[in-house]
Every structure is written in C-alpha cells, then in structure tokens.
Amino acid sequence: MVNDKELEDQLAKCFSWIPKAMEQVGCADPVNVTSATCKRAVKDTLALLFVESFHFVRFQAEKMKQLKAELSSTKSQLIENQKWVISLQEQIIDNKDLQIRALIILVDSEIT
C-alpha cells in the first residue's frame, strides 16, 4: 500500500531539489535549464544531480507500480460493490412488487 507520509516526504524532497538543482547549474527559472546551461556546470555537480534524479525516478516508478495495483484493486472492489447495489435494488423491486400484489389481493377481498 502506498504510504501517504512517504509520498509527502518524497514530494518535499522533490520541491526542495528543484531550486537546488537550478542554483547548481546557474539558472534562475526552470525554463532556463537546458542542455547548454548544463554543459557549463561542473562535472561533479552534474553527476550528483544525475544520481539524485535517478533515485527519485526509480522511487516514482516503484510507487507508480504500487498505485497501478491499488487502482486495479479499487476498480475490482467498485465493480463488486456495484453488483451488490444492483442486487439490493432488485430485491427492493421484488419486495415492492410483492407489496403491490398483496395490496391488490387485500383490496379485491374487501370489495368482494
């Protein structure tokens, strides 16, 4: 199961990583992060940024697999719940039909 705390921590890391990465490659705005600006950055800086981004993407891929499995499970549960609701609605209709028939018989017996 996907842990909300873990996701919040990763989002916080991501949002703090972006400005740090922009500063390290000398960019003030995300649109300025290009291959040309990265070529000016020091090799060690780029290596560190690559490793951090690699692990973040790896984490995202793992979480996406978990989310996909949970979504599939949720869809299956939803379908089962919908079948259950339909079954209950059918029972209600059947009971209403029986009530109407009983009422018709009662009215017929009172009239005759």
N, C-alpha and C. Protein backbone atom coordinates (compact mmCIF):
# COMPACT_ATOMS: atom_id res chain seq x y z
N MET A 1 0.84 -1.18 0.00
CA MET A 1 0.00 0.00 0.00
C MET A 1 0.88 1.25 0.00
N VAL A 2 0.46 2.23 -0.73
CA VAL A 2 1.22 3.47 -0.82
C VAL A 2 1.04 4.26 0.47
N ASN A 3 2.14 4.65 1.06
CA ASN A 3 2.15 5.35 2.33
C ASN A 3 2.11 6.86 2.06
N ASP A 4 1.09 7.54 2.59
CA ASP A 4 0.95 8.98 2.37
C ASP A 4 2.14 9.76 2.91
N LYS A 5 2.63 9.37 4.06
CA LYS A 5 3.78 10.05 4.67
C LYS A 5 5.00 9.94 3.76
N GLU A 6 5.21 8.76 3.23
CA GLU A 6 6.35 8.53 2.33
C GLU A 6 6.23 9.39 1.07
N LEU A 7 5.02 9.46 0.53
CA LEU A 7 4.80 10.29 -0.66
C LEU A 7 5.00 11.77 -0.35
N GLU A 8 4.49 12.21 0.80
CA GLU A 8 4.67 13.61 1.19
C GLU A 8 6.16 13.94 1.36
N ASP A 9 6.91 13.02 1.97
CA ASP A 9 8.35 13.23 2.13
C ASP A 9 9.04 13.34 0.78
N GLN A 10 8.66 12.47 -0.15
CA GLN A 10 9.28 12.50 -1.48
C GLN A 10 8.91 13.78 -2.23
N LEU A 11 7.67 14.21 -2.08
CA LEU A 11 7.26 15.47 -2.73
C LEU A 11 8.04 16.64 -2.15
N ALA A 12 8.23 16.64 -0.84
CA ALA A 12 9.00 17.71 -0.21
C ALA A 12 10.44 17.70 -0.72
N LYS A 13 11.01 16.51 -0.84
CA LYS A 13 12.38 16.40 -1.38
C LYS A 13 12.43 16.92 -2.81
N CYS A 14 11.42 16.56 -3.58
CA CYS A 14 11.38 16.97 -4.98
C CYS A 14 11.31 18.49 -5.08
N PHE A 15 10.39 19.09 -4.30
CA PHE A 15 10.23 20.54 -4.38
C PHE A 15 11.44 21.29 -3.84
N SER A 16 12.17 20.69 -2.92
CA SER A 16 13.39 21.36 -2.45
C SER A 16 14.57 21.07 -3.38
N TRP A 17 14.51 19.95 -4.10
CA TRP A 17 15.59 19.57 -5.01
C TRP A 17 15.62 20.48 -6.24
N ILE A 18 14.45 20.82 -6.74
CA ILE A 18 14.37 21.61 -7.98
C ILE A 18 15.12 22.95 -7.86
N PRO A 19 14.85 23.77 -6.84
CA PRO A 19 15.60 25.03 -6.74
C PRO A 19 17.11 24.81 -6.54
N LYS A 20 17.43 23.76 -5.77
CA LYS A 20 18.84 23.45 -5.54
C LYS A 20 19.53 23.09 -6.86
N ALA A 21 18.88 22.29 -7.67
CA ALA A 21 19.45 21.89 -8.95
C ALA A 21 19.59 23.10 -9.87
N MET A 22 18.57 23.96 -9.88
CA MET A 22 18.65 25.16 -10.72
C MET A 22 19.80 26.05 -10.28
N GLU A 23 19.99 26.19 -9.00
CA GLU A 23 21.09 27.01 -8.48
C GLU A 23 22.44 26.40 -8.87
N GLN A 24 22.54 25.09 -8.79
CA GLN A 24 23.81 24.43 -9.09
C GLN A 24 24.20 24.54 -10.57
N VAL A 25 23.20 24.63 -11.45
CA VAL A 25 23.53 24.79 -12.88
C VAL A 25 23.44 26.26 -13.29
N GLY A 26 23.17 27.14 -12.33
CA GLY A 26 23.20 28.57 -12.60
C GLY A 26 21.98 29.11 -13.31
N CYS A 27 20.82 28.59 -13.00
CA CYS A 27 19.58 29.04 -13.63
C CYS A 27 18.63 29.60 -12.57
N ALA A 28 17.97 30.69 -12.94
CA ALA A 28 17.02 31.31 -12.02
C ALA A 28 15.60 30.84 -12.27
N ASP A 29 15.33 30.24 -13.42
CA ASP A 29 13.99 29.82 -13.79
C ASP A 29 14.05 28.43 -14.42
N PRO A 30 13.09 27.57 -14.15
CA PRO A 30 13.12 26.22 -14.73
C PRO A 30 13.23 26.19 -16.25
N VAL A 31 12.64 27.18 -16.94
CA VAL A 31 12.72 27.18 -18.41
C VAL A 31 14.14 27.43 -18.89
N ASN A 32 14.99 27.96 -18.01
CA ASN A 32 16.39 28.21 -18.39
C ASN A 32 17.27 26.97 -18.25
N VAL A 33 16.74 25.90 -17.68
CA VAL A 33 17.52 24.66 -17.55
C VAL A 33 17.49 23.96 -18.89
N THR A 34 18.59 24.06 -19.60
CA THR A 34 18.72 23.45 -20.92
C THR A 34 20.02 22.66 -20.97
N SER A 35 20.21 21.93 -22.04
CA SER A 35 21.46 21.19 -22.18
C SER A 35 22.64 22.15 -22.25
N ALA A 36 22.44 23.33 -22.83
CA ALA A 36 23.54 24.31 -22.92
C ALA A 36 23.95 24.80 -21.54
N THR A 37 22.97 25.10 -20.68
CA THR A 37 23.32 25.58 -19.33
C THR A 37 23.95 24.46 -18.52
N CYS A 38 23.51 23.23 -18.75
CA CYS A 38 24.08 22.10 -18.01
C CYS A 38 25.52 21.83 -18.44
N LYS A 39 25.85 22.12 -19.68
CA LYS A 39 27.22 21.90 -20.16
C LYS A 39 28.21 22.80 -19.43
N ARG A 40 27.72 23.93 -18.94
CA ARG A 40 28.60 24.84 -18.21
C ARG A 40 28.82 24.41 -16.77
N ALA A 41 27.96 23.53 -16.26
CA ALA A 41 28.07 23.10 -14.87
C ALA A 41 29.27 22.17 -14.69
N VAL A 42 29.76 22.12 -13.49
CA VAL A 42 30.90 21.25 -13.16
C VAL A 42 30.44 19.79 -13.22
N LYS A 43 31.36 18.96 -13.68
CA LYS A 43 31.06 17.54 -13.86
C LYS A 43 30.56 16.89 -12.56
N ASP A 44 31.18 17.20 -11.44
CA ASP A 44 30.76 16.63 -10.16
C ASP A 44 29.33 17.05 -9.80
N THR A 45 29.02 18.31 -10.09
CA THR A 45 27.67 18.81 -9.82
C THR A 45 26.66 18.04 -10.64
N LEU A 46 26.94 17.84 -11.93
CA LEU A 46 26.01 17.11 -12.79
C LEU A 46 25.90 15.65 -12.37
N ALA A 47 27.00 15.07 -11.95
CA ALA A 47 26.96 13.67 -11.51
C ALA A 47 26.05 13.54 -10.28
N LEU A 48 26.17 14.46 -9.33
CA LEU A 48 25.34 14.44 -8.14
C LEU A 48 23.86 14.64 -8.51
N LEU A 49 23.59 15.59 -9.37
CA LEU A 49 22.21 15.82 -9.80
C LEU A 49 21.64 14.60 -10.51
N PHE A 50 22.48 13.96 -11.33
CA PHE A 50 22.03 12.76 -12.04
C PHE A 50 21.67 11.65 -11.05
N VAL A 51 22.52 11.42 -10.08
CA VAL A 51 22.27 10.36 -9.10
C VAL A 51 20.99 10.65 -8.32
N GLU A 52 20.82 11.88 -7.88
CA GLU A 52 19.60 12.24 -7.14
C GLU A 52 18.36 12.05 -8.00
N SER A 53 18.43 12.51 -9.25
CA SER A 53 17.26 12.38 -10.12
C SER A 53 17.00 10.92 -10.48
N PHE A 54 18.08 10.14 -10.66
CA PHE A 54 17.92 8.71 -10.95
C PHE A 54 17.15 8.02 -9.82
N HIS A 55 17.54 8.27 -8.58
CA HIS A 55 16.88 7.62 -7.45
C HIS A 55 15.45 8.12 -7.27
N PHE A 56 15.21 9.37 -7.57
CA PHE A 56 13.85 9.88 -7.48
C PHE A 56 12.96 9.23 -8.53
N VAL A 57 13.46 9.11 -9.75
CA VAL A 57 12.68 8.46 -10.82
C VAL A 57 12.46 6.99 -10.49
N ARG A 58 13.47 6.34 -9.93
CA ARG A 58 13.34 4.93 -9.53
C ARG A 58 12.23 4.80 -8.48
N PHE A 59 12.24 5.71 -7.50
CA PHE A 59 11.20 5.72 -6.46
C PHE A 59 9.83 5.93 -7.10
N GLN A 60 9.73 6.88 -8.02
CA GLN A 60 8.45 7.16 -8.68
C GLN A 60 7.96 5.93 -9.44
N ALA A 61 8.85 5.25 -10.13
CA ALA A 61 8.46 4.06 -10.90
C ALA A 61 7.90 2.98 -9.97
N GLU A 62 8.54 2.79 -8.84
CA GLU A 62 8.06 1.79 -7.87
C GLU A 62 6.69 2.19 -7.33
N LYS A 63 6.53 3.45 -6.99
CA LYS A 63 5.25 3.92 -6.46
C LYS A 63 4.16 3.85 -7.53
N MET A 64 4.52 4.11 -8.78
CA MET A 64 3.53 4.02 -9.86
C MET A 64 3.06 2.57 -10.02
N LYS A 65 3.96 1.61 -9.87
CA LYS A 65 3.55 0.21 -9.93
C LYS A 65 2.58 -0.11 -8.79
N GLN A 66 2.89 0.38 -7.59
CA GLN A 66 2.01 0.15 -6.45
C GLN A 66 0.66 0.83 -6.66
N LEU A 67 0.68 2.06 -7.17
CA LEU A 67 -0.57 2.78 -7.42
C LEU A 67 -1.41 2.08 -8.48
N LYS A 68 -0.75 1.54 -9.49
CA LYS A 68 -1.48 0.81 -10.54
C LYS A 68 -2.16 -0.42 -9.94
N ALA A 69 -1.45 -1.14 -9.08
CA ALA A 69 -2.04 -2.32 -8.44
C ALA A 69 -3.20 -1.92 -7.54
N GLU A 70 -3.03 -0.84 -6.78
CA GLU A 70 -4.10 -0.38 -5.91
C GLU A 70 -5.30 0.10 -6.71
N LEU A 71 -5.05 0.76 -7.83
CA LEU A 71 -6.14 1.23 -8.69
C LEU A 71 -6.92 0.03 -9.23
N SER A 72 -6.19 -0.98 -9.67
CA SER A 72 -6.84 -2.18 -10.18
C SER A 72 -7.70 -2.83 -9.10
N SER A 73 -7.16 -2.92 -7.90
CA SER A 73 -7.91 -3.49 -6.78
C SER A 73 -9.14 -2.65 -6.46
N THR A 74 -8.98 -1.34 -6.47
CA THR A 74 -10.09 -0.44 -6.18
C THR A 74 -11.18 -0.57 -7.24
N LYS A 75 -10.77 -0.69 -8.50
CA LYS A 75 -11.75 -0.88 -9.58
C LYS A 75 -12.52 -2.17 -9.37
N SER A 76 -11.80 -3.24 -9.03
CA SER A 76 -12.46 -4.53 -8.80
C SER A 76 -13.45 -4.43 -7.64
N GLN A 77 -13.04 -3.78 -6.56
CA GLN A 77 -13.94 -3.60 -5.42
C GLN A 77 -15.15 -2.76 -5.81
N LEU A 78 -14.93 -1.74 -6.60
CA LEU A 78 -16.04 -0.88 -7.05
C LEU A 78 -17.03 -1.69 -7.87
N ILE A 79 -16.53 -2.51 -8.77
CA ILE A 79 -17.41 -3.35 -9.60
C ILE A 79 -18.21 -4.30 -8.72
N GLU A 80 -17.54 -4.93 -7.75
CA GLU A 80 -18.24 -5.84 -6.84
C GLU A 80 -19.30 -5.09 -6.04
N ASN A 81 -18.96 -3.90 -5.57
CA ASN A 81 -19.93 -3.10 -4.82
C ASN A 81 -21.12 -2.70 -5.68
N GLN A 82 -20.84 -2.37 -6.95
CA GLN A 82 -21.93 -2.01 -7.86
C GLN A 82 -22.85 -3.21 -8.09
N LYS A 83 -22.26 -4.41 -8.21
CA LYS A 83 -23.07 -5.62 -8.38
C LYS A 83 -23.94 -5.84 -7.16
N TRP A 84 -23.38 -5.60 -5.99
CA TRP A 84 -24.11 -5.76 -4.74
C TRP A 84 -25.26 -4.77 -4.66
N VAL A 85 -25.02 -3.52 -5.04
CA VAL A 85 -26.07 -2.50 -5.04
C VAL A 85 -27.18 -2.88 -6.00
N ILE A 86 -26.81 -3.36 -7.18
CA ILE A 86 -27.82 -3.78 -8.16
C ILE A 86 -28.66 -4.92 -7.60
N SER A 87 -28.00 -5.86 -6.94
CA SER A 87 -28.71 -6.98 -6.34
C SER A 87 -29.70 -6.48 -5.28
N LEU A 88 -29.26 -5.54 -4.45
CA LEU A 88 -30.16 -4.98 -3.43
C LEU A 88 -31.32 -4.23 -4.08
N GLN A 89 -31.04 -3.51 -5.15
CA GLN A 89 -32.11 -2.79 -5.85
C GLN A 89 -33.12 -3.77 -6.44
N GLU A 90 -32.63 -4.89 -6.95
CA GLU A 90 -33.53 -5.91 -7.49
C GLU A 90 -34.41 -6.48 -6.38
N GLN A 91 -33.81 -6.70 -5.20
CA GLN A 91 -34.59 -7.20 -4.06
C GLN A 91 -35.65 -6.18 -3.64
N ILE A 92 -35.31 -4.92 -3.66
CA ILE A 92 -36.28 -3.87 -3.31
C ILE A 92 -37.43 -3.88 -4.30
N ILE A 93 -37.10 -3.97 -5.58
CA ILE A 93 -38.15 -4.00 -6.61
C ILE A 93 -39.03 -5.23 -6.43
N ASP A 94 -38.41 -6.39 -6.17
CA ASP A 94 -39.19 -7.61 -5.95
C ASP A 94 -40.12 -7.46 -4.74
N ASN A 95 -39.60 -6.88 -3.66
CA ASN A 95 -40.42 -6.67 -2.46
C ASN A 95 -41.55 -5.69 -2.72
N LYS A 96 -41.26 -4.63 -3.48
CA LYS A 96 -42.31 -3.66 -3.83
C LYS A 96 -43.39 -4.36 -4.66
N ASP A 97 -42.95 -5.23 -5.57
CA ASP A 97 -43.89 -5.98 -6.41
C ASP A 97 -44.78 -6.87 -5.53
N LEU A 98 -44.18 -7.53 -4.56
CA LEU A 98 -44.95 -8.39 -3.64
C LEU A 98 -45.92 -7.55 -2.82
N GLN A 99 -45.48 -6.37 -2.38
CA GLN A 99 -46.37 -5.49 -1.61
C GLN A 99 -47.56 -5.05 -2.45
N ILE A 100 -47.30 -4.72 -3.70
CA ILE A 100 -48.39 -4.28 -4.59
C ILE A 100 -49.36 -5.42 -4.81
N ARG A 101 -48.83 -6.63 -5.05
CA ARG A 101 -49.71 -7.79 -5.25
C ARG A 101 -50.55 -8.05 -3.99
N ALA A 102 -49.92 -7.95 -2.83
CA ALA A 102 -50.64 -8.18 -1.58
C ALA A 102 -51.72 -7.12 -1.40
N LEU A 103 -51.41 -5.88 -1.75
CA LEU A 103 -52.38 -4.80 -1.65
C LEU A 103 -53.55 -5.03 -2.60
N ILE A 104 -53.26 -5.49 -3.81
CA ILE A 104 -54.32 -5.78 -4.79
C ILE A 104 -55.22 -6.89 -4.26
N ILE A 105 -54.62 -7.93 -3.69
CA ILE A 105 -55.42 -9.04 -3.15
C ILE A 105 -56.27 -8.54 -1.98
N LEU A 106 -55.69 -7.71 -1.13
CA LEU A 106 -56.44 -7.15 0.01
C LEU A 106 -57.61 -6.31 -0.47
N VAL A 107 -57.36 -5.45 -1.44
CA VAL A 107 -58.43 -4.60 -1.97
C VAL A 107 -59.50 -5.45 -2.63
N ASP A 108 -59.09 -6.46 -3.41
CA ASP A 108 -60.07 -7.34 -4.06
C ASP A 108 -60.92 -8.08 -3.03
N SER A 109 -60.27 -8.53 -1.94
CA SER A 109 -61.03 -9.28 -0.93
C SER A 109 -61.98 -8.36 -0.16
N GLU A 110 -61.64 -7.12 0.01
CA GLU A 110 -62.52 -6.16 0.69
C GLU A 110 -63.69 -5.77 -0.19
N ILE A 111 -63.46 -5.74 -1.48
CA ILE A 111 -64.52 -5.35 -2.42
C ILE A 111 -65.52 -6.48 -2.57
N THR A 112 -65.02 -7.70 -2.61
CA THR A 112 -65.96 -8.81 -2.85
C THR A 112 -66.54 -9.38 -1.60
